[in-house]
Amino acid sequence: MRVTRTLRATVGAALTGALLLASGGTASADQVRKGQWPLEAFGAQQLWKEATGKGVTVAVLDSGFRTTHQDLKGQFLPGPDFGKATEAEGAKYLKPNEDIRDHGTAMAGIIAGHGHGPGGTEGVKGLAPDAKILPVPEYKNSGQATRWAVEHGADVINMSYGGDLEGDICESIHYAVEKGVVVVAAVGNDGWSKKTYPVGCPGAIGVGSVDQYGEAASANNYNSDTDLLAPGEKVSVAMGKSDSAYQTEANGSSAATAYVSAAAALLKQKFPDLTPGQIANRLVKTAGLAQAEKAKHLKLPDTHYGYGFIQPGPALRRDIAAGPAQGPLPMPKGKYSEASADKGSDPNPPMGGKEKLALFGGIGLGVLVVIGIVIGVVVSVRRRNSRNQAWG
């Protein structure tokens, strides 16, 4: 039973209820909408009567962006001054025929694509089609990118990536949350249980991918940082080497993260006074599981399923008490923390640059490091490859 049917059985016929996109072949625009099964699963036409993301800004921190794509024209706000230089630096490590703008364009389309053609019925439609995208190229300094996004009006920040991060990303996420910004991050697609960043930072909503049948993707990284699941398997996205190109399938927690960011944008429009923790609370309280997973009697949050897959309809419509400002997920100490009186250091501080580098090497790179190799060479190789294979 597909998630579309599972959701209907659960909430009624109205459905009130490191960068990696493994892609299939190209598709024509009229085929693309058929491949956006999450819109049907979420009952998007009904959702848009409640909220469309209007007035909400979603910052997408990513590799680059094709701002002229036909399904995204007019959706982008001006990006940072460091944007072009950041894209150029990241492009140095691309494989032949790769476009630095593909991944970011795909994520932006999932969030706020408006389609094209008569009535916007063709191409990619986002779950929050009236939201604006703040495009922030991120290559080596997530902290800088995050702070820039916060200071330039972001209401939600989408982080569909992981890799060799420099700077204090957790501190910048703490800053974002303190400013009332919802931060959403991918768990990654390496199928391992090791803790990774930025999803490991307190305050970030960790998202894994689920397929049409409600099954968590086997490639999802799994640990206590998995908070929610969202559609991420066999999803049509706007990406390719032209302003009208598409891929028939995208698989991974990148796409799933973008759907959660879009759902957060819908909630921010309808409930503008809720804190990031309270937005997360609505998503958590209304999350669902397929019947097969319910039968397993999972103890939630589960390392593979978190609290379950998002259901934007119930999250928008259900009568849910706002609850504590910090919400149900781990938060950094400060304004929205139960320990707000203690603004000292985080008891689980983020890893330093060298520790992060070691974590994203090894299994992710598939390289056996010989003891005698000079440390500087190891760092250089891992850094380059980590960015090449960065997931999301």
Foldseek 3Di string as FASTA:
>chain_A
DFLLVLQCVVPNPQLLALAAWDFDAWDAFAVQVVLACQCSSQNLVVLVVQAQLAPAEEEEAAQAADCLFPQRPPQEDDEDPCRVVLNVVLVVLADPQDHSHFRSQFLCLQQAGQADDDNNNTHGHHSRNNYHYHYYYDFAELLVSLQVCQVVHHQEYFAFWFFLHADANLVSLLVSLVSQHQYEYEQWFQQEADDTPPLNRARYQYEFAADRQQHTDSRGHFDPSHAAYEHFWQHKGDGDDDSRIITRTTHIRSSRRSNVRNLLSRVCVNPVPAGSQLLSQLQLVRADGGPVVVVVVDDAPGRRHHSHHGRSSSSSPPDDDSPQNLHDTGHQADDRDPNNVDNDDGPDGDDHSVVNLVVLPDSVPVDDDDPPDDPVVSSVVSRSVRSNSIGD
